[in-house]
C-alpha cells in the first residue's frame, strides 16, 4: 500500500494503520492523507481513478483514535475498489423503491441517507476489526452513549427509577446510542441501534457491560422507534451480500424507518 501523509500532523498512526491493514488486505490505488487544522473536518474521503484522498483534522490525527480512524477509512477504500454493494448501491434508487408514492418529511429522507452510511460503516468495520483490537472503539461508543444520556435528563430519570435493566439475551436487547446534544431523537435511536448492533455483531462486550445500562436510559427518548429491531437489522447484515441482497436489506431498513416498518419488495 502506498500511503503519503501531508500537513501539520503525525505520520505514525497512518503508517501504523497501513502496516496492520496489509496483514489481511491491500489497496491497489495510492492513498494521500491530508491533515488539516480545521477542527470541523474530522474525516472525509474521496476517490478517483488516480487514488484516494483522506482528509482529517489535526485534532483527530493526534487523538487516541487516529489509527482506528485510518483503519476504518482504509476499509472503506477497499470496499470502493472491490465494488462492494454497500459502496455502489444508489441511494436514489433505494428511495424510489422504498418510498415511491409516499409523502415523507425531509428530515426523514435525510436520516435515510445516514442509515445507509451506517450500513457502509458496518461493512468497513467488519474488515478492520479483523486486524486490530476493538478496545478503543468500545470505549468510544460507551463514552458517546454516556454523554447522550447525561444530556437527556428525562431518559436518565426513567432509567434510574427502573429496577430491572436489560441484559443481553438471544433476542435483540435495548441498544446503545451515539449522538450530539442537538440530535433528532428518532435518528438518535437508529444511531443507538447501529452502535449496539456493531458491538454484538463482533461480540465485543459481555452481557453485564455498562453499555446495556446506558442503552436502556437512551432508549426512553424515542418510544416510537423500534430500536431492538434496528439493532437486529444492523447486527445480522449478510456478511457477503450480492447486489440484490444488499439492495433488499437497504430498501427494507429505509422503509422501516421512514414509514414504520412495511416490508419492501425488490
C-alpha atoms as a PDB file:
ATOM      1  CA  UNK A   1       0.000   0.000   0.000  1.00  0.00           C
ATOM      2  CA  UNK A   2       1.263   3.426  -0.976  1.00  0.00           C
ATOM      3  CA  UNK A   3       0.349   5.918   1.792  1.00  0.00           C
ATOM      4  CA  UNK A   4       1.600   9.523   1.789  1.00  0.00           C
ATOM      5  CA  UNK A   5       0.901  11.873   4.726  1.00  0.00           C
ATOM      6  CA  UNK A   6       0.831  15.641   4.221  1.00  0.00           C
ATOM      7  CA  UNK A   7       0.109  18.568   6.534  1.00  0.00           C
ATOM      8  CA  UNK A   8       0.633  19.559  10.180  1.00  0.00           C
ATOM      9  CA  UNK A   9       0.212  16.202  11.828  1.00  0.00           C
ATOM     10  CA  UNK A  10       1.931  12.903  12.691  1.00  0.00           C
ATOM     11  CA  UNK A  11       2.638  10.153  10.179  1.00  0.00           C
ATOM     12  CA  UNK A  12       2.804   7.361  12.730  1.00  0.00           C
ATOM     13  CA  UNK A  13      -0.893   6.498  13.153  1.00  0.00           C
ATOM     14  CA  UNK A  14      -1.454   6.301   9.397  1.00  0.00           C
ATOM     15  CA  UNK A  15       1.649   4.284   8.581  1.00  0.00           C
ATOM     16  CA  UNK A  16       0.915   2.015  11.534  1.00  0.00           C
ATOM     17  CA  UNK A  17      -2.634   1.536  10.259  1.00  0.00           C
ATOM     18  CA  UNK A  18      -1.243   0.719   6.816  1.00  0.00           C
ATOM     19  CA  UNK A  19       1.051  -1.953   8.251  1.00  0.00           C
ATOM     20  CA  UNK A  20      -1.822  -3.543  10.187  1.00  0.00           C
ATOM     21  CA  UNK A  21      -4.236  -3.387   7.282  1.00  0.00           C
ATOM     22  CA  UNK A  22      -1.721  -5.045   4.972  1.00  0.00           C
ATOM     23  CA  UNK A  23      -1.648  -8.157   7.150  1.00  0.00           C
ATOM     24  CA  UNK A  24      -5.066  -9.076   5.699  1.00  0.00           C
ATOM     25  CA  UNK A  25      -5.895  -6.688   2.830  1.00  0.00           C
ATOM     26  CA  UNK A  26      -4.318  -4.190   0.482  1.00  0.00           C
ATOM     27  CA  UNK A  27      -5.251  -1.230  -1.707  1.00  0.00           C
ATOM     28  CA  UNK A  28      -4.373  -1.043  -5.374  1.00  0.00           C
ATOM     29  CA  UNK A  29      -4.546   2.757  -5.603  1.00  0.00           C
ATOM     30  CA  UNK A  30      -2.315   5.153  -3.648  1.00  0.00           C
ATOM     31  CA  UNK A  31      -3.656   6.962  -0.590  1.00  0.00           C
ATOM     32  CA  UNK A  32      -2.923  10.590   0.249  1.00  0.00           C
ATOM     33  CA  UNK A  33      -3.625  11.539   3.871  1.00  0.00           C
ATOM     34  CA  UNK A  34      -4.088  15.299   4.231  1.00  0.00           C
ATOM     35  CA  UNK A  35      -4.020  16.636   7.807  1.00  0.00           C
ATOM     36  CA  UNK A  36      -5.762  19.999   8.166  1.00  0.00           C
ATOM     37  CA  UNK A  37      -6.090  22.490  11.012  1.00  0.00           C
ATOM     38  CA  UNK A  38      -9.857  22.779  10.565  1.00  0.00           C
ATOM     39  CA  UNK A  39     -11.348  21.005  13.625  1.00  0.00           C
ATOM     40  CA  UNK A  40     -14.716  20.612  11.880  1.00  0.00           C
ATOM     41  CA  UNK A  41     -13.213  18.362   9.183  1.00  0.00           C
ATOM     42  CA  UNK A  42     -12.786  15.240  11.307  1.00  0.00           C
ATOM     43  CA  UNK A  43     -12.554  12.821   8.377  1.00  0.00           C
ATOM     44  CA  UNK A  44     -13.565  12.897   4.745  1.00  0.00           C
ATOM     45  CA  UNK A  45     -12.611  10.546   1.917  1.00  0.00           C
ATOM     46  CA  UNK A  46     -12.880  10.955  -1.836  1.00  0.00           C
ATOM     47  CA  UNK A  47     -11.891   8.620  -4.663  1.00  0.00           C
ATOM     48  CA  UNK A  48     -10.917   8.863  -8.314  1.00  0.00           C
ATOM     49  CA  UNK A  49      -9.094   6.720 -10.834  1.00  0.00           C
ATOM     50  CA  UNK A  50      -5.740   8.046  -9.615  1.00  0.00           C
ATOM     51  CA  UNK A  51      -6.162   7.247  -5.934  1.00  0.00           C
ATOM     52  CA  UNK A  52      -7.855   8.013  -2.620  1.00  0.00           C
ATOM     53  CA  UNK A  53      -7.758  11.298  -0.684  1.00  0.00           C
ATOM     54  CA  UNK A  54      -8.232  11.021   3.084  1.00  0.00           C
ATOM     55  CA  UNK A  55      -8.736  14.406   4.757  1.00  0.00           C
ATOM     56  CA  UNK A  56      -8.537  14.506   8.559  1.00  0.00           C
ATOM     57  CA  UNK A  57      -8.356  17.285  11.140  1.00  0.00           C
ATOM     58  CA  UNK A  58      -5.175  17.693  13.151  1.00  0.00           C
ATOM     59  CA  UNK A  59      -7.272  17.221  16.281  1.00  0.00           C
ATOM     60  CA  UNK A  60      -8.431  13.793  15.059  1.00  0.00           C
ATOM     61  CA  UNK A  61      -4.979  12.912  13.693  1.00  0.00           C
ATOM     62  CA  UNK A  62      -3.420  13.433  17.112  1.00  0.00           C
ATOM     63  CA  UNK A  63      -6.218  11.721  19.067  1.00  0.00           C
ATOM     64  CA  UNK A  64      -6.118   8.273  20.640  1.00  0.00           C
ATOM     65  CA  UNK A  65      -8.457   7.054  17.864  1.00  0.00           C
ATOM     66  CA  UNK A  66      -6.266   8.173  14.948  1.00  0.00           C
ATOM     67  CA  UNK A  67      -5.051   4.701  13.985  1.00  0.00           C
ATOM     68  CA  UNK A  68      -8.555   3.240  14.226  1.00  0.00           C
ATOM     69  CA  UNK A  69      -9.992   6.089  12.132  1.00  0.00           C
ATOM     70  CA  UNK A  70      -7.360   5.381   9.482  1.00  0.00           C
ATOM     71  CA  UNK A  71      -8.099   1.647   9.514  1.00  0.00           C
ATOM     72  CA  UNK A  72     -11.806   2.396   9.144  1.00  0.00           C
ATOM     73  CA  UNK A  73     -11.210   4.649   6.142  1.00  0.00           C
ATOM     74  CA  UNK A  74      -8.784   2.179   4.535  1.00  0.00           C
ATOM     75  CA  UNK A  75     -11.573  -0.404   4.806  1.00  0.00           C
ATOM     76  CA  UNK A  76     -13.981   1.942   3.016  1.00  0.00           C
ATOM     77  CA  UNK A  77     -11.369   2.424   0.282  1.00  0.00           C
ATOM     78  CA  UNK A  78     -11.002  -1.338  -0.086  1.00  0.00           C
ATOM     79  CA  UNK A  79     -14.756  -1.785  -0.492  1.00  0.00           C
ATOM     80  CA  UNK A  80     -14.806   1.036  -3.047  1.00  0.00           C
ATOM     81  CA  UNK A  81     -12.056  -0.602  -5.107  1.00  0.00           C
ATOM     82  CA  UNK A  82     -13.679  -4.017  -4.780  1.00  0.00           C
ATOM     83  CA  UNK A  83     -17.126  -2.784  -5.853  1.00  0.00           C
ATOM     84  CA  UNK A  84     -18.830  -3.908  -2.637  1.00  0.00           C
ATOM     85  CA  UNK A  85     -22.630  -3.452  -2.929  1.00  0.00           C
ATOM     86  CA  UNK A  86     -22.707  -1.175   0.128  1.00  0.00           C
ATOM     87  CA  UNK A  87     -20.420   1.228  -1.721  1.00  0.00           C
ATOM     88  CA  UNK A  88     -22.011   1.028  -5.174  1.00  0.00           C
ATOM     89  CA  UNK A  89     -25.746   0.948  -4.478  1.00  0.00           C
ATOM     90  CA  UNK A  90     -27.537   4.154  -5.498  1.00  0.00           C
ATOM     91  CA  UNK A  91     -29.462   5.632  -2.601  1.00  0.00           C
ATOM     92  CA  UNK A  92     -31.758   7.416  -5.056  1.00  0.00           C
ATOM     93  CA  UNK A  93     -32.836   4.026  -6.402  1.00  0.00           C
ATOM     94  CA  UNK A  94     -33.453   2.787  -2.864  1.00  0.00           C
ATOM     95  CA  UNK A  95     -35.573   5.845  -2.005  1.00  0.00           C
ATOM     96  CA  UNK A  96     -37.669   5.218  -5.124  1.00  0.00           C
ATOM     97  CA  UNK A  97     -38.152   1.515  -4.367  1.00  0.00           C
ATOM     98  CA  UNK A  98     -38.923   2.050  -0.693  1.00  0.00           C
ATOM     99  CA  UNK A  99     -40.951   5.254  -0.712  1.00  0.00           C
ATOM    100  CA  UNK A 100     -42.450   5.870  -4.171  1.00  0.00           C
ATOM    101  CA  UNK A 101     -45.888   7.434  -3.901  1.00  0.00           C
ATOM    102  CA  UNK A 102     -45.490   8.341  -0.245  1.00  0.00           C
ATOM    103  CA  UNK A 103     -45.182  11.725   1.406  1.00  0.00           C
ATOM    104  CA  UNK A 104     -42.134  11.734   3.712  1.00  0.00           C
ATOM    105  CA  UNK A 105     -40.710  14.548   5.817  1.00  0.00           C
ATOM    106  CA  UNK A 106     -37.441  15.986   4.537  1.00  0.00           C
ATOM    107  CA  UNK A 107     -35.723  15.232   7.855  1.00  0.00           C
ATOM    108  CA  UNK A 108     -36.728  11.582   7.492  1.00  0.00           C
ATOM    109  CA  UNK A 109     -35.264  11.432   3.995  1.00  0.00           C
ATOM    110  CA  UNK A 110     -32.034  12.960   5.291  1.00  0.00           C
ATOM    111  CA  UNK A 111     -31.942  10.363   8.039  1.00  0.00           C
ATOM    112  CA  UNK A 112     -32.333   7.567   5.475  1.00  0.00           C
ATOM    113  CA  UNK A 113     -29.017   8.599   3.931  1.00  0.00           C
ATOM    114  CA  UNK A 114     -27.434   8.432   7.381  1.00  0.00           C
ATOM    115  CA  UNK A 115     -28.800   4.922   7.838  1.00  0.00           C
ATOM    116  CA  UNK A 116     -27.213   3.913   4.527  1.00  0.00           C
ATOM    117  CA  UNK A 117     -23.916   5.303   5.818  1.00  0.00           C
ATOM    118  CA  UNK A 118     -24.280   3.174   8.941  1.00  0.00           C
ATOM    119  CA  UNK A 119     -24.623   0.096   6.756  1.00  0.00           C
ATOM    120  CA  UNK A 120     -21.486   1.076   4.853  1.00  0.00           C
ATOM    121  CA  UNK A 121     -19.731   1.508   8.193  1.00  0.00           C
ATOM    122  CA  UNK A 122     -20.783  -1.952   9.366  1.00  0.00           C
ATOM    123  CA  UNK A 123     -19.040  -3.478   6.366  1.00  0.00           C
ATOM    124  CA  UNK A 124     -15.956  -1.281   6.812  1.00  0.00           C
ATOM    125  CA  UNK A 125     -15.722  -2.275  10.465  1.00  0.00           C
ATOM    126  CA  UNK A 126     -16.043  -5.938   9.504  1.00  0.00           C
ATOM    127  CA  UNK A 127     -12.693  -5.536   7.720  1.00  0.00           C
ATOM    128  CA  UNK A 128     -10.593  -3.542  10.138  1.00  0.00           C
ATOM    129  CA  UNK A 129     -11.758  -5.384  13.247  1.00  0.00           C
ATOM    130  CA  UNK A 130     -10.031  -8.436  11.749  1.00  0.00           C
ATOM    131  CA  UNK A 131      -6.628  -6.801  12.255  1.00  0.00           C
ATOM    132  CA  UNK A 132      -6.832  -4.575  15.346  1.00  0.00           C
ATOM    133  CA  UNK A 133      -8.301  -4.753  18.857  1.00  0.00           C
ATOM    134  CA  UNK A 134     -11.642  -3.061  19.446  1.00  0.00           C
ATOM    135  CA  UNK A 135     -10.989  -1.689  22.950  1.00  0.00           C
ATOM    136  CA  UNK A 136     -10.837   1.923  21.820  1.00  0.00           C
ATOM    137  CA  UNK A 137     -13.941   1.554  19.697  1.00  0.00           C
ATOM    138  CA  UNK A 138     -15.960   0.141  22.596  1.00  0.00           C
ATOM    139  CA  UNK A 139     -14.719   2.896  24.901  1.00  0.00           C
ATOM    140  CA  UNK A 140     -15.691   5.492  22.309  1.00  0.00           C
ATOM    141  CA  UNK A 141     -19.194   4.064  21.927  1.00  0.00           C
ATOM    142  CA  UNK A 142     -19.638   3.885  25.679  1.00  0.00           C
ATOM    143  CA  UNK A 143     -18.446   7.445  26.289  1.00  0.00           C
ATOM    144  CA  UNK A 144     -20.642   8.763  23.487  1.00  0.00           C
ATOM    145  CA  UNK A 145     -23.637   6.996  24.966  1.00  0.00           C
ATOM    146  CA  UNK A 146     -22.871   8.235  28.470  1.00  0.00           C
ATOM    147  CA  UNK A 147     -22.686  11.802  27.170  1.00  0.00           C
ATOM    148  CA  UNK A 148     -26.008  11.379  25.367  1.00  0.00           C
ATOM    149  CA  UNK A 149     -27.718  10.024  28.482  1.00  0.00           C
ATOM    150  CA  UNK A 150     -26.304  12.810  30.634  1.00  0.00           C
ATOM    151  CA  UNK A 151     -27.703  15.332  28.148  1.00  0.00           C
ATOM    152  CA  UNK A 152     -31.194  13.831  28.388  1.00  0.00           C
ATOM    153  CA  UNK A 153     -32.470  14.195  31.967  1.00  0.00           C
ATOM    154  CA  UNK A 154     -35.838  12.589  31.137  1.00  0.00           C
ATOM    155  CA  UNK A 155     -34.169   9.433  29.875  1.00  0.00           C
ATOM    156  CA  UNK A 156     -31.783   9.345  32.822  1.00  0.00           C
ATOM    157  CA  UNK A 157     -34.613   9.746  35.321  1.00  0.00           C
ATOM    158  CA  UNK A 158     -36.573   6.934  33.676  1.00  0.00           C
ATOM    159  CA  UNK A 159     -33.557   4.658  33.859  1.00  0.00           C
ATOM    160  CA  UNK A 160     -32.781   5.488  37.492  1.00  0.00           C
ATOM    161  CA  UNK A 161     -36.382   4.784  38.525  1.00  0.00           C
ATOM    162  CA  UNK A 162     -36.475   1.366  36.829  1.00  0.00           C
ATOM    163  CA  UNK A 163     -35.349  -1.551  38.950  1.00  0.00           C
ATOM    164  CA  UNK A 164     -34.884  -4.041  36.117  1.00  0.00           C
ATOM    165  CA  UNK A 165     -32.302  -3.155  33.493  1.00  0.00           C
ATOM    166  CA  UNK A 166     -31.774  -5.063  30.246  1.00  0.00           C
ATOM    167  CA  UNK A 167     -29.304  -7.910  29.912  1.00  0.00           C
ATOM    168  CA  UNK A 168     -28.026  -9.448  26.743  1.00  0.00           C
ATOM    169  CA  UNK A 169     -30.164 -12.349  25.548  1.00  0.00           C
ATOM    170  CA  UNK A 170     -30.911 -14.382  22.451  1.00  0.00           C
ATOM    171  CA  UNK A 171     -33.325 -11.665  21.369  1.00  0.00           C
ATOM    172  CA  UNK A 172     -32.358  -8.133  20.432  1.00  0.00           C
ATOM    173  CA  UNK A 173     -31.605  -6.039  23.542  1.00  0.00           C
ATOM    174  CA  UNK A 174     -32.115  -2.348  24.058  1.00  0.00           C
ATOM    175  CA  UNK A 175     -29.408  -0.606  22.017  1.00  0.00           C
ATOM    176  CA  UNK A 176     -26.691   1.919  22.751  1.00  0.00           C
ATOM    177  CA  UNK A 177     -26.558   5.405  21.301  1.00  0.00           C
ATOM    178  CA  UNK A 178     -24.234   7.819  19.601  1.00  0.00           C
ATOM    179  CA  UNK A 179     -25.449  11.361  19.210  1.00  0.00           C
ATOM    180  CA  UNK A 180     -24.806  15.032  19.636  1.00  0.00           C
ATOM    181  CA  UNK A 181     -26.759  17.173  22.130  1.00  0.00           C
ATOM    182  CA  UNK A 182     -28.914  18.660  19.362  1.00  0.00           C
ATOM    183  CA  UNK A 183     -29.657  15.361  17.613  1.00  0.00           C
ATOM    184  CA  UNK A 184     -33.133  14.406  16.469  1.00  0.00           C
ATOM    185  CA  UNK A 185     -34.385  11.693  18.864  1.00  0.00           C
ATOM    186  CA  UNK A 186     -35.640   9.460  16.032  1.00  0.00           C
ATOM    187  CA  UNK A 187     -32.337   9.182  14.202  1.00  0.00           C
ATOM    188  CA  UNK A 188     -30.588   9.081  17.563  1.00  0.00           C
ATOM    189  CA  UNK A 189     -32.479   5.870  18.256  1.00  0.00           C
ATOM    190  CA  UNK A 190     -31.229   4.388  14.987  1.00  0.00           C
ATOM    191  CA  UNK A 191     -27.697   5.597  15.714  1.00  0.00           C
ATOM    192  CA  UNK A 192     -28.084   3.792  19.021  1.00  0.00           C
ATOM    193  CA  UNK A 193     -29.106   0.603  17.257  1.00  0.00           C
ATOM    194  CA  UNK A 194     -26.066   0.884  14.997  1.00  0.00           C
ATOM    195  CA  UNK A 195     -23.728   1.143  17.987  1.00  0.00           C
ATOM    196  CA  UNK A 196     -25.116  -1.879  19.787  1.00  0.00           C
ATOM    197  CA  UNK A 197     -25.615  -3.857  16.589  1.00  0.00           C
ATOM    198  CA  UNK A 198     -21.925  -3.362  15.849  1.00  0.00           C
ATOM    199  CA  UNK A 199     -20.632  -4.493  19.238  1.00  0.00           C
ATOM    200  CA  UNK A 200     -22.918  -7.524  19.205  1.00  0.00           C
ATOM    201  CA  UNK A 201     -22.030  -8.441  15.626  1.00  0.00           C
ATOM    202  CA  UNK A 202     -18.405  -8.792  16.735  1.00  0.00           C
ATOM    203  CA  UNK A 203     -19.091  -9.959  20.303  1.00  0.00           C
ATOM    204  CA  UNK A 204     -17.117  -7.047  21.724  1.00  0.00           C
ATOM    205  CA  UNK A 205     -18.779  -6.781  25.144  1.00  0.00           C
ATOM    206  CA  UNK A 206     -20.074  -9.089  27.847  1.00  0.00           C
ATOM    207  CA  UNK A 207     -23.652  -9.402  28.985  1.00  0.00           C
ATOM    208  CA  UNK A 208     -23.059  -7.195  32.017  1.00  0.00           C
ATOM    209  CA  UNK A 209     -21.222  -4.388  30.228  1.00  0.00           C
ATOM    210  CA  UNK A 210     -22.238  -0.892  31.293  1.00  0.00           C
ATOM    211  CA  UNK A 211     -23.289  -0.089  27.746  1.00  0.00           C
ATOM    212  CA  UNK A 212     -26.519  -2.041  28.323  1.00  0.00           C
ATOM    213  CA  UNK A 213     -27.471   0.064  31.350  1.00  0.00           C
ATOM    214  CA  UNK A 214     -26.688   3.252  29.456  1.00  0.00           C
ATOM    215  CA  UNK A 215     -28.582   1.969  26.425  1.00  0.00           C
ATOM    216  CA  UNK A 216     -31.738   1.456  28.426  1.00  0.00           C
ATOM    217  CA  UNK A 217     -31.626   5.069  29.550  1.00  0.00           C
ATOM    218  CA  UNK A 218     -31.078   6.295  25.990  1.00  0.00           C
ATOM    219  CA  UNK A 219     -33.971   4.168  24.721  1.00  0.00           C
ATOM    220  CA  UNK A 220     -36.513   6.235  26.625  1.00  0.00           C
ATOM    221  CA  UNK A 221     -36.028   9.153  24.261  1.00  0.00           C
ATOM    222  CA  UNK A 222     -37.554   7.550  21.161  1.00  0.00           C
ATOM    223  CA  UNK A 223     -40.519   5.356  22.099  1.00  0.00           C
ATOM    224  CA  UNK A 224     -41.859   5.332  18.526  1.00  0.00           C
ATOM    225  CA  UNK A 225     -38.699   3.778  17.089  1.00  0.00           C
ATOM    226  CA  UNK A 226     -38.226   0.037  17.498  1.00  0.00           C
ATOM    227  CA  UNK A 227     -34.574   0.170  18.486  1.00  0.00           C
ATOM    228  CA  UNK A 228     -34.210  -3.565  19.200  1.00  0.00           C
ATOM    229  CA  UNK A 229     -35.440  -4.274  15.666  1.00  0.00           C
ATOM    230  CA  UNK A 230     -32.955  -1.826  14.139  1.00  0.00           C
ATOM    231  CA  UNK A 231     -30.229  -3.353  16.306  1.00  0.00           C
ATOM    232  CA  UNK A 232     -31.121  -6.762  14.861  1.00  0.00           C
ATOM    233  CA  UNK A 233     -31.043  -5.406  11.310  1.00  0.00           C
ATOM    234  CA  UNK A 234     -27.542  -3.975  11.748  1.00  0.00           C
ATOM    235  CA  UNK A 235     -26.222  -6.972  13.666  1.00  0.00           C
ATOM    236  CA  UNK A 236     -27.439  -9.535  11.127  1.00  0.00           C
ATOM    237  CA  UNK A 237     -26.466  -7.876   7.847  1.00  0.00           C
ATOM    238  CA  UNK A 238     -25.274 -10.587   5.439  1.00  0.00           C
ATOM    239  CA  UNK A 239     -21.508 -10.949   5.609  1.00  0.00           C
ATOM    240  CA  UNK A 240     -21.003 -11.191   1.848  1.00  0.00           C
ATOM    241  CA  UNK A 241     -24.155  -9.927   0.110  1.00  0.00           C
ATOM    242  CA  UNK A 242     -24.692  -9.783  -3.628  1.00  0.00           C
ATOM    243  CA  UNK A 243     -26.162  -6.658  -5.187  1.00  0.00           C
ATOM    244  CA  UNK A 244     -29.769  -7.831  -4.951  1.00  0.00           C
ATOM    245  CA  UNK A 245     -29.479  -8.994  -1.351  1.00  0.00           C
ATOM    246  CA  UNK A 246     -27.907  -5.743  -0.237  1.00  0.00           C
ATOM    247  CA  UNK A 247     -30.438  -3.623  -2.131  1.00  0.00           C
ATOM    248  CA  UNK A 248     -33.251  -5.539  -0.458  1.00  0.00           C
ATOM    249  CA  UNK A 249     -31.776  -5.015   3.006  1.00  0.00           C
ATOM    250  CA  UNK A 250     -31.334  -1.286   2.412  1.00  0.00           C
ATOM    251  CA  UNK A 251     -34.825  -0.878   0.957  1.00  0.00           C
ATOM    252  CA  UNK A 252     -36.304  -2.713   3.945  1.00  0.00           C
ATOM    253  CA  UNK A 253     -34.499  -0.655   6.568  1.00  0.00           C
ATOM    254  CA  UNK A 254     -35.262   2.593   4.712  1.00  0.00           C
ATOM    255  CA  UNK A 255     -38.957   1.792   4.568  1.00  0.00           C
ATOM    256  CA  UNK A 256     -38.963   0.610   8.192  1.00  0.00           C
ATOM    257  CA  UNK A 257     -37.553   3.929   9.357  1.00  0.00           C
ATOM    258  CA  UNK A 258     -39.480   6.283   7.075  1.00  0.00           C
ATOM    259  CA  UNK A 259     -42.893   4.620   7.196  1.00  0.00           C
ATOM    260  CA  UNK A 260     -42.901   2.469  10.307  1.00  0.00           C
ATOM    261  CA  UNK A 261     -41.936  -0.942   9.004  1.00  0.00           C
ATOM    262  CA  UNK A 262     -43.799  -2.160   5.914  1.00  0.00           C
ATOM    263  CA  UNK A 263     -41.776  -4.868   4.235  1.00  0.00           C
ATOM    264  CA  UNK A 264     -40.213  -3.995   0.910  1.00  0.00           C
ATOM    265  CA  UNK A 265     -40.337  -5.930  -2.343  1.00  0.00           C
ATOM    266  CA  UNK A 266     -37.242  -5.997  -4.528  1.00  0.00           C
END
